[in-house]
C-alpha atoms as a PDB file:
ATOM      1  CA  MET A   1     -11.408 -26.537  -3.534  1.00  0.00           C
ATOM      2  CA  GLY A   2     -12.400 -24.939   0.033  1.00  0.00           C
ATOM      3  CA  GLU A   3     -13.372 -21.833   1.785  1.00  0.00           C
ATOM      4  CA  LYS A   4     -10.787 -18.686   1.324  1.00  0.00           C
ATOM      5  CA  LEU A   5      -9.986 -17.072   4.515  1.00  0.00           C
ATOM      6  CA  SER A   6     -10.985 -13.637   4.785  1.00  0.00           C
ATOM      7  CA  PHE A   7      -9.075 -10.156   6.407  1.00  0.00           C
ATOM      8  CA  ILE A   8     -11.370  -8.315   5.216  1.00  0.00           C
ATOM      9  CA  LYS A   9     -12.189  -7.148   8.968  1.00  0.00           C
ATOM     10  CA  HIS A  10      -8.810  -6.295   9.643  1.00  0.00           C
ATOM     11  CA  TYR A  11      -8.945  -4.063   6.593  1.00  0.00           C
ATOM     12  CA  ASN A  12     -12.652  -2.502   7.604  1.00  0.00           C
ATOM     13  CA  GLU A  13     -10.749  -1.705  10.952  1.00  0.00           C
ATOM     14  CA  MET A  14      -7.405   0.545   9.395  1.00  0.00           C
ATOM     15  CA  GLU A  15      -9.281   1.549   6.425  1.00  0.00           C
ATOM     16  CA  HIS A  16     -10.439   5.272   7.873  1.00  0.00           C
ATOM     17  CA  ASP A  17      -6.948   5.595   9.032  1.00  0.00           C
ATOM     18  CA  TYR A  18      -5.506   4.715   5.766  1.00  0.00           C
ATOM     19  CA  ARG A  19      -7.593   6.940   3.965  1.00  0.00           C
ATOM     20  CA  GLU A  20      -7.024   9.788   6.330  1.00  0.00           C
ATOM     21  CA  LYS A  21      -3.302   9.773   6.349  1.00  0.00           C
ATOM     22  CA  LEU A  22      -3.046   9.557   2.086  1.00  0.00           C
ATOM     23  CA  ASN A  23      -5.202  12.805   2.046  1.00  0.00           C
ATOM     24  CA  ASP A  24      -2.850  14.254   4.589  1.00  0.00           C
ATOM     25  CA  ALA A  25      -0.072  13.539   2.308  1.00  0.00           C
ATOM     26  CA  LYS A  26       1.911  16.204   0.659  1.00  0.00           C
ATOM     27  CA  THR A  27       4.319  14.310  -1.014  1.00  0.00           C
ATOM     28  CA  THR A  28       4.728  11.643  -3.369  1.00  0.00           C
ATOM     29  CA  SER A  29       7.173  10.202  -1.495  1.00  0.00           C
ATOM     30  CA  ASP A  30       5.042  10.239   2.055  1.00  0.00           C
ATOM     31  CA  VAL A  31       2.056   8.909  -0.055  1.00  0.00           C
ATOM     32  CA  GLY A  32       4.731   5.637  -0.132  1.00  0.00           C
ATOM     33  CA  ASP A  33       5.622   6.196   2.886  1.00  0.00           C
ATOM     34  CA  VAL A  34       1.541   5.588   3.905  1.00  0.00           C
ATOM     35  CA  PHE A  35       1.110   2.668   2.237  1.00  0.00           C
ATOM     36  CA  ILE A  36       4.538   1.019   3.290  1.00  0.00           C
ATOM     37  CA  ASP A  37       3.649   1.871   7.011  1.00  0.00           C
ATOM     38  CA  HIS A  38      -0.089   0.275   5.862  1.00  0.00           C
ATOM     39  CA  VAL A  39       1.419  -3.015   4.799  1.00  0.00           C
ATOM     40  CA  PHE A  40       3.474  -3.876   7.831  1.00  0.00           C
ATOM     41  CA  GLU A  41       0.656  -3.104  10.099  1.00  0.00           C
ATOM     42  CA  PHE A  42      -2.103  -4.875   8.640  1.00  0.00           C
ATOM     43  CA  LEU A  43       0.389  -7.621   7.943  1.00  0.00           C
ATOM     44  CA  SER A  44       1.076  -8.030  11.638  1.00  0.00           C
ATOM     45  CA  ARG A  45      -2.515  -7.661  12.901  1.00  0.00           C
ATOM     46  CA  ILE A  46      -3.092 -11.177  10.249  1.00  0.00           C
ATOM     47  CA  ASP A  47      -0.455 -12.275  12.242  1.00  0.00           C
ATOM     48  CA  VAL A  48       1.904 -13.171   9.712  1.00  0.00           C
ATOM     49  CA  ASP A  49       5.917 -13.464  12.144  1.00  0.00           C
ATOM     50  CA  LEU A  50       7.391 -10.260  10.983  1.00  0.00           C
ATOM     51  CA  LYS A  51      10.355  -8.729  11.699  1.00  0.00           C
ATOM     52  CA  LYS A  52      10.547  -4.806  12.014  1.00  0.00           C
ATOM     53  CA  ARG A  53      13.422  -5.053   9.244  1.00  0.00           C
ATOM     54  CA  ASN A  54      10.147  -6.902   6.970  1.00  0.00           C
ATOM     55  CA  ILE A  55       8.944  -3.118   6.454  1.00  0.00           C
ATOM     56  CA  GLU A  56      12.217  -2.747   3.627  1.00  0.00           C
ATOM     57  CA  HIS A  57      10.682  -5.600   0.916  1.00  0.00           C
ATOM     58  CA  ILE A  58       7.598  -3.777   0.939  1.00  0.00           C
ATOM     59  CA  VAL A  59       8.037  -1.645  -1.813  1.00  0.00           C
ATOM     60  CA  PHE A  60       5.756   0.433  -3.560  1.00  0.00           C
ATOM     61  CA  THR A  61       5.470   1.312  -7.989  1.00  0.00           C
ATOM     62  CA  PRO A  62       2.723   3.558  -8.609  1.00  0.00           C
ATOM     63  CA  GLU A  63       4.249   3.951 -11.823  1.00  0.00           C
ATOM     64  CA  LYS A  64       4.006  -0.221 -12.906  1.00  0.00           C
ATOM     65  CA  GLU A  65       0.875  -1.865 -13.829  1.00  0.00           C
ATOM     66  CA  LYS A  66       1.359  -3.030  -9.978  1.00  0.00           C
ATOM     67  CA  PRO A  67       1.642  -0.439  -7.682  1.00  0.00           C
ATOM     68  CA  TYR A  68       3.648  -2.779  -5.368  1.00  0.00           C
ATOM     69  CA  TYR A  69       5.236  -5.458  -4.626  1.00  0.00           C
ATOM     70  CA  LEU A  70       7.175  -8.087  -1.858  1.00  0.00           C
ATOM     71  CA  GLU A  71      10.694  -9.246  -2.289  1.00  0.00           C
ATOM     72  CA  LYS A  72      12.098 -12.097  -0.473  1.00  0.00           C
ATOM     73  CA  PRO A  73      12.122 -12.780   2.369  1.00  0.00           C
ATOM     74  CA  LEU A  74       8.520 -11.612   3.572  1.00  0.00           C
ATOM     75  CA  LEU A  75       7.038 -12.730  -0.009  1.00  0.00           C
ATOM     76  CA  GLU A  76       7.516 -16.615   1.179  1.00  0.00           C
ATOM     77  CA  LYS A  77       5.719 -15.321   4.558  1.00  0.00           C
ATOM     78  CA  VAL A  78       2.969 -14.420   3.160  1.00  0.00           C
ATOM     79  CA  GLU A  79       2.679 -16.439  -0.449  1.00  0.00           C
ATOM     80  CA  ASN A  80       0.471 -18.927   0.790  1.00  0.00           C
ATOM     81  CA  LEU A  81      -1.773 -16.613   2.098  1.00  0.00           C
ATOM     82  CA  PHE A  82      -2.121 -15.122  -1.183  1.00  0.00           C
ATOM     83  CA  LYS A  83      -3.425 -18.863  -2.945  1.00  0.00           C
ATOM     84  CA  THR A  84      -5.473 -19.335   0.407  1.00  0.00           C
ATOM     85  CA  SER A  85      -7.482 -15.967   1.199  1.00  0.00           C
ATOM     86  CA  ASP A  86      -8.628 -12.689   0.305  1.00  0.00           C
ATOM     87  CA  LEU A  87      -4.823 -11.357   1.148  1.00  0.00           C
ATOM     88  CA  GLU A  88      -3.810 -10.306  -2.190  1.00  0.00           C
ATOM     89  CA  SER A  89      -6.599  -8.570  -2.700  1.00  0.00           C
ATOM     90  CA  ILE A  90      -7.127  -5.885   0.283  1.00  0.00           C
ATOM     91  CA  LEU A  91      -3.408  -5.501  -0.332  1.00  0.00           C
ATOM     92  CA  ASP A  92      -4.077  -4.599  -4.148  1.00  0.00           C
ATOM     93  CA  LYS A  93      -7.154  -2.436  -3.205  1.00  0.00           C
ATOM     94  CA  LEU A  94      -5.105  -1.119  -0.815  1.00  0.00           C
ATOM     95  CA  ALA A  95      -1.207   0.410  -3.192  1.00  0.00           C
ATOM     96  CA  GLU A  96      -4.541   1.545  -5.895  1.00  0.00           C
ATOM     97  CA  ASP A  97      -5.907   3.804  -3.190  1.00  0.00           C
ATOM     98  CA  ALA A  98      -1.811   5.218  -2.178  1.00  0.00           C
ATOM     99  CA  ARG A  99      -1.132   5.498  -6.409  1.00  0.00           C
ATOM    100  CA  HIS A 100      -4.190   7.801  -6.758  1.00  0.00           C
ATOM    101  CA  ARG A 101      -3.120   9.730  -4.515  1.00  0.00           C
ATOM    102  CA  PHE A 102       0.495   9.043  -6.036  1.00  0.00           C
ATOM    103  CA  MET A 103      -0.980  10.703  -9.227  1.00  0.00           C
ATOM    104  CA  LYS A 104      -3.108  13.644  -7.082  1.00  0.00           C
ATOM    105  CA  ILE A 105      -0.006  14.839  -6.130  1.00  0.00           C
ATOM    106  CA  GLN A 106       1.724  14.341  -9.341  1.00  0.00           C
ATOM    107  CA  GLN A 107      -0.440  16.068 -11.309  1.00  0.00           C
ATOM    108  CA  ASP A 108      -0.457  19.089  -8.581  1.00  0.00           C
ATOM    109  CA  GLN A 109       2.606  19.082  -8.911  1.00  0.00           C
ATOM    110  CA  ASP A 110       2.844  19.177 -12.137  1.00  0.00           C
ATOM    111  CA  ARG A 111       0.706  22.056 -12.489  1.00  0.00           C
ATOM    112  CA  THR A 112       2.746  24.130 -10.091  1.00  0.00           C
ATOM    113  CA  GLU A 113       5.175  23.967 -12.019  1.00  0.00           C
ATOM    114  CA  MET A 114       3.478  25.200 -15.279  1.00  0.00           C
ATOM    115  CA  PHE A 115       2.556  28.084 -13.498  1.00  0.00           C
ATOM    116  CA  ARG A 116       5.701  29.161 -12.016  1.00  0.00           C
ATOM    117  CA  ARG A 117       7.022  28.764 -15.732  1.00  0.00           C
ATOM    118  CA  GLY A 118       4.483  31.158 -16.988  1.00  0.00           C
ATOM    119  CA  GLN A 119       5.459  33.360 -14.621  1.00  0.00           C
END
């Protein structure tokens, strides 16, 4: 098996901004938007041939085992990169970070609701 392509440099370039935007997210919906926007930006940076409408094919599913998936035709554009590079593991990391923030916001909302009911 040959060497795998690595996109970690591109990930490192955007990681700080991504984490900042996740931390600034106030709602679970905001978290999904940040994740989707950054995945789209990341794929654009690594020269995946994207059209603006491909952003609709990135789906954030924080309550599922795999917290995201890509739909066709976007999936078809990156399938080979999933096999020959670290792209999938980077997207997995972005998704796990987003899932963590999503769950934190959800827990905070649950606590707030419980507090309000107790009054």
